[in-house]
Amino acid sequence: MRSEIQLKLTPIGKRCYIDSVWLFQ
């Protein structure tokens, strides 16, 4: 969970996080 929070803090990480959510959905 901490890794997800750290990714959200960065613009690029946020983009990857959103893409990951889309892939899971």
C-alpha atoms as a PDB file:
ATOM      1  CA  MET A   1       0.000   0.000   0.000  1.00  0.00           C
ATOM      2  CA  ARG A   2       2.853   2.374   0.751  1.00  0.00           C
ATOM      3  CA  SER A   3       4.174   1.917  -2.784  1.00  0.00           C
ATOM      4  CA  GLU A   4       0.769   2.940  -4.177  1.00  0.00           C
ATOM      5  CA  ILE A   5       0.782   6.091  -2.051  1.00  0.00           C
ATOM      6  CA  GLN A   6       4.299   6.978  -3.216  1.00  0.00           C
ATOM      7  CA  LEU A   7       3.255   6.480  -6.838  1.00  0.00           C
ATOM      8  CA  LYS A   8       0.308   8.827  -6.365  1.00  0.00           C
ATOM      9  CA  LEU A   9       2.686  11.525  -5.145  1.00  0.00           C
ATOM     10  CA  THR A  10       4.534  11.548  -8.473  1.00  0.00           C
ATOM     11  CA  PRO A  11       2.902  12.680 -11.765  1.00  0.00           C
ATOM     12  CA  ILE A  12       4.385   9.769 -13.747  1.00  0.00           C
ATOM     13  CA  GLY A  13       3.537   7.313 -10.976  1.00  0.00           C
ATOM     14  CA  LYS A  14       0.031   8.715 -10.848  1.00  0.00           C
ATOM     15  CA  ARG A  15      -0.328   8.089 -14.577  1.00  0.00           C
ATOM     16  CA  CYS A  16       0.921   4.500 -14.209  1.00  0.00           C
ATOM     17  CA  TYR A  17      -1.387   3.989 -11.224  1.00  0.00           C
ATOM     18  CA  ILE A  18      -4.399   5.136 -13.260  1.00  0.00           C
ATOM     19  CA  ASP A  19      -3.380   2.871 -16.163  1.00  0.00           C
ATOM     20  CA  SER A  20      -3.079  -0.052 -13.733  1.00  0.00           C
ATOM     21  CA  VAL A  21      -6.575   0.611 -12.388  1.00  0.00           C
ATOM     22  CA  TRP A  22      -7.943   0.687 -15.941  1.00  0.00           C
ATOM     23  CA  LEU A  23      -6.236  -2.621 -16.730  1.00  0.00           C
ATOM     24  CA  PHE A  24      -7.748  -4.257 -13.640  1.00  0.00           C
ATOM     25  CA  GLN A  25     -11.203  -2.969 -14.530  1.00  0.00           C
END
